[in-house]
All heavy atoms as atom14 arrays in JSON, in Angstrom:
{
  "sequence": "TGAKLVVAPIDERGDVIPQEYARRLGERTR",
  "atom14_mask": [
    [1, 1, 1, 1, 1, 1, 1, 0, 0, 0, 0, 0, 0, 0],
    [1, 1, 1, 1, 0, 0, 0, 0, 0, 0, 0, 0, 0, 0],
    [1, 1, 1, 1, 1, 0, 0, 0, 0, 0, 0, 0, 0, 0],
    [1, 1, 1, 1, 1, 1, 1, 1, 1, 0, 0, 0, 0, 0],
    [1, 1, 1, 1, 1, 1, 1, 1, 0, 0, 0, 0, 0, 0],
    [1, 1, 1, 1, 1, 1, 1, 0, 0, 0, 0, 0, 0, 0],
    [1, 1, 1, 1, 1, 1, 1, 0, 0, 0, 0, 0, 0, 0],
    [1, 1, 1, 1, 1, 0, 0, 0, 0, 0, 0, 0, 0, 0],
    [1, 1, 1, 1, 1, 1, 1, 0, 0, 0, 0, 0, 0, 0],
    [1, 1, 1, 1, 1, 1, 1, 1, 0, 0, 0, 0, 0, 0],
    [1, 1, 1, 1, 1, 1, 1, 1, 0, 0, 0, 0, 0, 0],
    [1, 1, 1, 1, 1, 1, 1, 1, 1, 0, 0, 0, 0, 0],
    [1, 1, 1, 1, 1, 1, 1, 1, 1, 1, 1, 0, 0, 0],
    [1, 1, 1, 1, 0, 0, 0, 0, 0, 0, 0, 0, 0, 0],
    [1, 1, 1, 1, 1, 1, 1, 1, 0, 0, 0, 0, 0, 0],
    [1, 1, 1, 1, 1, 1, 1, 0, 0, 0, 0, 0, 0, 0],
    [1, 1, 1, 1, 1, 1, 1, 1, 0, 0, 0, 0, 0, 0],
    [1, 1, 1, 1, 1, 1, 1, 0, 0, 0, 0, 0, 0, 0],
    [1, 1, 1, 1, 1, 1, 1, 1, 1, 0, 0, 0, 0, 0],
    [1, 1, 1, 1, 1, 1, 1, 1, 1, 0, 0, 0, 0, 0],
    [1, 1, 1, 1, 1, 1, 1, 1, 1, 1, 1, 1, 0, 0],
    [1, 1, 1, 1, 1, 0, 0, 0, 0, 0, 0, 0, 0, 0],
    [1, 1, 1, 1, 1, 1, 1, 1, 1, 1, 1, 0, 0, 0],
    [1, 1, 1, 1, 1, 1, 1, 1, 1, 1, 1, 0, 0, 0],
    [1, 1, 1, 1, 1, 1, 1, 1, 0, 0, 0, 0, 0, 0],
    [1, 1, 1, 1, 0, 0, 0, 0, 0, 0, 0, 0, 0, 0],
    [1, 1, 1, 1, 1, 1, 1, 1, 1, 0, 0, 0, 0, 0],
    [1, 1, 1, 1, 1, 1, 1, 1, 1, 1, 1, 0, 0, 0],
    [1, 1, 1, 1, 1, 1, 1, 0, 0, 0, 0, 0, 0, 0],
    [1, 1, 1, 1, 1, 1, 1, 1, 1, 1, 1, 0, 0, 0]
  ],
  "atom14_positions": [
    [[93.44, 126.7, 94.16], [92.61, 126.25, 93.19], [91.38, 125.53, 93.72], [90.52, 125.17, 93.02], [93.35, 125.35, 92.3], [93.85, 124.16, 93.04], [94.63, 126.07, 91.64], [0.0, 0.0, 0.0], [0.0, 0.0, 0.0], [0.0, 0.0, 0.0], [0.0, 0.0, 0.0], [0.0, 0.0, 0.0], [0.0, 0.0, 0.0], [0.0, 0.0, 0.0]],
    [[91.41, 125.2, 95.05], [90.33, 124.41, 95.49], [90.53, 122.82, 95.34], [89.67, 121.99, 95.67], [0.0, 0.0, 0.0], [0.0, 0.0, 0.0], [0.0, 0.0, 0.0], [0.0, 0.0, 0.0], [0.0, 0.0, 0.0], [0.0, 0.0, 0.0], [0.0, 0.0, 0.0], [0.0, 0.0, 0.0], [0.0, 0.0, 0.0], [0.0, 0.0, 0.0]],
    [[91.67, 122.51, 94.8], [92.04, 121.09, 94.76], [92.4, 120.46, 96.15], [92.5, 121.25, 97.12], [93.22, 120.79, 93.81], [0.0, 0.0, 0.0], [0.0, 0.0, 0.0], [0.0, 0.0, 0.0], [0.0, 0.0, 0.0], [0.0, 0.0, 0.0], [0.0, 0.0, 0.0], [0.0, 0.0, 0.0], [0.0, 0.0, 0.0], [0.0, 0.0, 0.0]],
    [[92.5, 119.18, 96.24], [92.73, 118.46, 97.49], [94.02, 117.81, 97.44], [94.36, 117.12, 96.47], [91.57, 117.53, 97.66], [91.76, 116.75, 99.1], [90.6, 115.64, 99.18], [90.71, 114.87, 100.45], [89.59, 113.76, 100.42], [0.0, 0.0, 0.0], [0.0, 0.0, 0.0], [0.0, 0.0, 0.0], [0.0, 0.0, 0.0], [0.0, 0.0, 0.0]],
    [[94.76, 117.86, 98.47], [96.03, 117.15, 98.72], [95.73, 115.84, 99.37], [95.08, 115.69, 100.43], [97.02, 117.86, 99.59], [98.46, 117.32, 99.62], [99.19, 117.5, 98.23], [99.29, 117.91, 100.76], [0.0, 0.0, 0.0], [0.0, 0.0, 0.0], [0.0, 0.0, 0.0], [0.0, 0.0, 0.0], [0.0, 0.0, 0.0], [0.0, 0.0, 0.0]],
    [[96.16, 114.69, 98.61], [95.88, 113.21, 99.11], [97.3, 112.66, 99.36], [98.32, 112.85, 98.72], [95.16, 112.45, 98.07], [94.96, 111.03, 98.57], [93.78, 113.2, 97.75], [0.0, 0.0, 0.0], [0.0, 0.0, 0.0], [0.0, 0.0, 0.0], [0.0, 0.0, 0.0], [0.0, 0.0, 0.0], [0.0, 0.0, 0.0], [0.0, 0.0, 0.0]],
    [[97.33, 111.89, 100.41], [98.66, 111.32, 100.85], [98.65, 109.89, 100.92], [97.79, 109.22, 101.63], [99.08, 111.87, 102.31], [100.4, 111.33, 102.71], [99.03, 113.46, 102.4], [0.0, 0.0, 0.0], [0.0, 0.0, 0.0], [0.0, 0.0, 0.0], [0.0, 0.0, 0.0], [0.0, 0.0, 0.0], [0.0, 0.0, 0.0], [0.0, 0.0, 0.0]],
    [[99.57, 109.25, 100.25], [99.83, 107.67, 100.26], [100.7, 107.37, 101.4], [101.89, 107.94, 101.46], [100.39, 107.37, 98.93], [0.0, 0.0, 0.0], [0.0, 0.0, 0.0], [0.0, 0.0, 0.0], [0.0, 0.0, 0.0], [0.0, 0.0, 0.0], [0.0, 0.0, 0.0], [0.0, 0.0, 0.0], [0.0, 0.0, 0.0], [0.0, 0.0, 0.0]],
    [[100.26, 106.6, 102.4], [101.01, 106.29, 103.61], [102.2, 105.45, 103.39], [102.33, 104.65, 102.37], [99.92, 105.69, 104.5], [99.06, 105.08, 103.66], [98.87, 105.86, 102.31], [0.0, 0.0, 0.0], [0.0, 0.0, 0.0], [0.0, 0.0, 0.0], [0.0, 0.0, 0.0], [0.0, 0.0, 0.0], [0.0, 0.0, 0.0], [0.0, 0.0, 0.0]],
    [[103.06, 105.43, 104.39], [104.31, 104.55, 104.44], [104.03, 103.36, 105.5], [103.18, 103.67, 106.4], [105.47, 105.2, 104.64], [105.54, 105.96, 105.93], [105.81, 106.06, 103.38], [106.86, 106.63, 106.18], [0.0, 0.0, 0.0], [0.0, 0.0, 0.0], [0.0, 0.0, 0.0], [0.0, 0.0, 0.0], [0.0, 0.0, 0.0], [0.0, 0.0, 0.0]],
    [[104.68, 102.28, 105.41], [104.62, 101.35, 106.47], [105.84, 101.49, 107.41], [106.52, 102.49, 107.44], [104.71, 99.86, 105.85], [105.93, 99.61, 105.04], [106.96, 100.28, 105.26], [105.89, 98.69, 104.18], [0.0, 0.0, 0.0], [0.0, 0.0, 0.0], [0.0, 0.0, 0.0], [0.0, 0.0, 0.0], [0.0, 0.0, 0.0], [0.0, 0.0, 0.0]],
    [[105.84, 100.58, 108.38], [106.89, 100.65, 109.4], [108.35, 100.54, 108.96], [109.29, 100.87, 109.63], [106.61, 99.7, 110.56], [105.39, 100.2, 111.31], [105.32, 101.62, 111.69], [106.21, 102.01, 112.47], [104.42, 102.21, 111.25], [0.0, 0.0, 0.0], [0.0, 0.0, 0.0], [0.0, 0.0, 0.0], [0.0, 0.0, 0.0], [0.0, 0.0, 0.0]],
    [[108.49, 100.03, 107.69], [109.77, 99.86, 107.17], [110.27, 101.12, 106.44], [111.42, 101.34, 106.21], [109.85, 98.77, 106.06], [109.52, 97.39, 106.65], [109.75, 96.29, 105.6], [111.18, 96.17, 105.1], [111.66, 95.24, 104.56], [110.84, 94.02, 104.19], [112.95, 95.13, 104.12], [0.0, 0.0, 0.0], [0.0, 0.0, 0.0], [0.0, 0.0, 0.0]],
    [[109.27, 102.01, 106.22], [109.6, 103.28, 105.55], [109.43, 103.2, 104.06], [109.91, 104.0, 103.31], [0.0, 0.0, 0.0], [0.0, 0.0, 0.0], [0.0, 0.0, 0.0], [0.0, 0.0, 0.0], [0.0, 0.0, 0.0], [0.0, 0.0, 0.0], [0.0, 0.0, 0.0], [0.0, 0.0, 0.0], [0.0, 0.0, 0.0], [0.0, 0.0, 0.0]],
    [[108.54, 102.28, 103.53], [108.24, 102.12, 102.22], [106.77, 102.59, 102.02], [105.95, 102.35, 102.82], [108.31, 100.67, 101.76], [109.71, 100.19, 101.65], [110.65, 100.91, 100.95], [110.14, 99.02, 102.09], [0.0, 0.0, 0.0], [0.0, 0.0, 0.0], [0.0, 0.0, 0.0], [0.0, 0.0, 0.0], [0.0, 0.0, 0.0], [0.0, 0.0, 0.0]],
    [[106.52, 103.17, 100.78], [105.17, 103.56, 100.48], [104.41, 102.15, 100.29], [104.86, 101.25, 99.53], [105.12, 104.33, 99.21], [103.65, 104.67, 98.78], [105.93, 105.67, 99.34], [0.0, 0.0, 0.0], [0.0, 0.0, 0.0], [0.0, 0.0, 0.0], [0.0, 0.0, 0.0], [0.0, 0.0, 0.0], [0.0, 0.0, 0.0], [0.0, 0.0, 0.0]],
    [[103.24, 102.08, 100.91], [102.41, 100.95, 100.81], [101.83, 100.87, 99.43], [100.84, 101.74, 99.03], [101.33, 100.91, 101.85], [101.97, 101.0, 103.23], [100.43, 99.59, 101.88], [100.93, 101.29, 104.29], [0.0, 0.0, 0.0], [0.0, 0.0, 0.0], [0.0, 0.0, 0.0], [0.0, 0.0, 0.0], [0.0, 0.0, 0.0], [0.0, 0.0, 0.0]],
    [[102.22, 99.92, 98.52], [101.71, 99.94, 97.11], [100.14, 99.82, 97.07], [99.55, 100.59, 96.24], [102.32, 98.71, 96.61], [103.51, 98.35, 97.47], [103.09, 98.8, 98.79], [0.0, 0.0, 0.0], [0.0, 0.0, 0.0], [0.0, 0.0, 0.0], [0.0, 0.0, 0.0], [0.0, 0.0, 0.0], [0.0, 0.0, 0.0], [0.0, 0.0, 0.0]],
    [[99.47, 99.05, 97.86], [98.03, 98.96, 97.83], [97.31, 100.24, 98.2], [96.34, 100.7, 97.62], [97.52, 97.84, 98.75], [98.05, 96.5, 98.31], [99.37, 96.16, 99.09], [100.09, 97.1, 99.45], [99.66, 94.91, 99.28], [0.0, 0.0, 0.0], [0.0, 0.0, 0.0], [0.0, 0.0, 0.0], [0.0, 0.0, 0.0], [0.0, 0.0, 0.0]],
    [[97.92, 100.94, 99.17], [97.3, 102.26, 99.62], [97.54, 103.34, 98.46], [96.71, 104.21, 98.33], [97.86, 102.66, 100.93], [97.54, 101.76, 102.14], [96.04, 101.66, 102.28], [95.38, 102.78, 102.14], [95.5, 100.61, 102.63], [0.0, 0.0, 0.0], [0.0, 0.0, 0.0], [0.0, 0.0, 0.0], [0.0, 0.0, 0.0], [0.0, 0.0, 0.0]],
    [[98.76, 103.34, 97.9], [98.97, 104.17, 96.81], [97.99, 103.97, 95.74], [97.35, 105.03, 95.17], [100.41, 104.03, 96.4], [100.63, 104.7, 94.96], [101.11, 106.11, 94.97], [100.62, 104.11, 93.76], [101.25, 106.82, 93.77], [100.91, 104.79, 92.52], [101.2, 106.15, 92.56], [101.43, 106.79, 91.38], [0.0, 0.0, 0.0], [0.0, 0.0, 0.0]],
    [[97.74, 102.79, 95.25], [96.92, 102.44, 94.22], [95.47, 102.83, 94.56], [94.7, 103.34, 93.69], [96.98, 100.9, 93.87], [0.0, 0.0, 0.0], [0.0, 0.0, 0.0], [0.0, 0.0, 0.0], [0.0, 0.0, 0.0], [0.0, 0.0, 0.0], [0.0, 0.0, 0.0], [0.0, 0.0, 0.0], [0.0, 0.0, 0.0], [0.0, 0.0, 0.0]],
    [[94.98, 102.62, 95.79], [93.68, 102.86, 96.29], [93.36, 104.5, 96.11], [92.25, 104.83, 96.0], [93.45, 102.45, 97.66], [92.05, 102.41, 98.17], [91.95, 101.51, 99.47], [92.58, 102.21, 100.63], [91.96, 103.16, 101.27], [90.75, 103.56, 100.96], [92.6, 103.68, 102.39], [0.0, 0.0, 0.0], [0.0, 0.0, 0.0], [0.0, 0.0, 0.0]],
    [[94.49, 105.19, 96.25], [94.19, 106.75, 96.3], [94.24, 107.29, 94.87], [93.92, 108.43, 94.81], [95.26, 107.27, 97.24], [94.86, 107.14, 98.68], [96.15, 107.35, 99.58], [95.71, 107.35, 100.96], [95.43, 106.19, 101.58], [95.45, 105.05, 101.07], [95.12, 106.22, 102.97], [0.0, 0.0, 0.0], [0.0, 0.0, 0.0], [0.0, 0.0, 0.0]],
    [[94.62, 106.43, 93.93], [94.51, 106.95, 92.48], [93.08, 106.89, 92.05], [92.42, 105.92, 92.36], [95.47, 106.11, 91.7], [96.94, 106.42, 91.67], [97.73, 105.31, 90.94], [97.39, 107.7, 91.23], [0.0, 0.0, 0.0], [0.0, 0.0, 0.0], [0.0, 0.0, 0.0], [0.0, 0.0, 0.0], [0.0, 0.0, 0.0], [0.0, 0.0, 0.0]],
    [[92.74, 107.84, 91.26], [91.38, 107.73, 90.7], [91.11, 108.81, 89.63], [92.04, 109.53, 89.32], [0.0, 0.0, 0.0], [0.0, 0.0, 0.0], [0.0, 0.0, 0.0], [0.0, 0.0, 0.0], [0.0, 0.0, 0.0], [0.0, 0.0, 0.0], [0.0, 0.0, 0.0], [0.0, 0.0, 0.0], [0.0, 0.0, 0.0], [0.0, 0.0, 0.0]],
    [[89.97, 108.9, 89.2], [89.66, 109.91, 88.13], [89.85, 111.32, 88.52], [90.04, 112.18, 87.65], [88.22, 109.73, 87.59], [87.12, 109.92, 88.6], [85.68, 109.79, 88.23], [85.53, 108.94, 87.12], [84.81, 110.1, 88.87], [0.0, 0.0, 0.0], [0.0, 0.0, 0.0], [0.0, 0.0, 0.0], [0.0, 0.0, 0.0], [0.0, 0.0, 0.0]],
    [[89.89, 111.58, 89.79], [90.04, 112.9, 90.32], [91.57, 113.35, 90.41], [91.98, 114.46, 90.56], [89.4, 113.14, 91.65], [87.88, 113.15, 91.57], [87.3, 113.37, 93.01], [85.9, 113.37, 93.02], [85.17, 114.36, 92.88], [85.72, 115.56, 92.53], [83.79, 114.31, 92.9], [0.0, 0.0, 0.0], [0.0, 0.0, 0.0], [0.0, 0.0, 0.0]],
    [[92.37, 112.24, 90.3], [93.91, 112.54, 90.54], [94.47, 113.25, 89.25], [94.43, 112.64, 88.2], [94.68, 111.23, 90.72], [94.01, 110.53, 91.69], [96.09, 111.52, 91.1], [0.0, 0.0, 0.0], [0.0, 0.0, 0.0], [0.0, 0.0, 0.0], [0.0, 0.0, 0.0], [0.0, 0.0, 0.0], [0.0, 0.0, 0.0], [0.0, 0.0, 0.0]],
    [[94.99, 114.48, 89.37], [95.41, 115.22, 88.32], [97.01, 115.23, 88.24], [97.63, 115.28, 87.22], [94.94, 116.59, 88.32], [93.5, 116.78, 88.11], [93.07, 116.4, 86.76], [93.75, 117.06, 85.59], [93.68, 118.15, 85.28], [92.61, 119.01, 85.61], [94.32, 118.75, 84.23], [0.0, 0.0, 0.0], [0.0, 0.0, 0.0], [0.0, 0.0, 0.0]]
  ]
}
């Protein structure tokens, strides 16, 4: 489709970093 895959990173504990997850959300996120 031409869409883009975006990845929310994890920290050294193995948890998704909440701030990085939120930062990657936007009007283009479907």
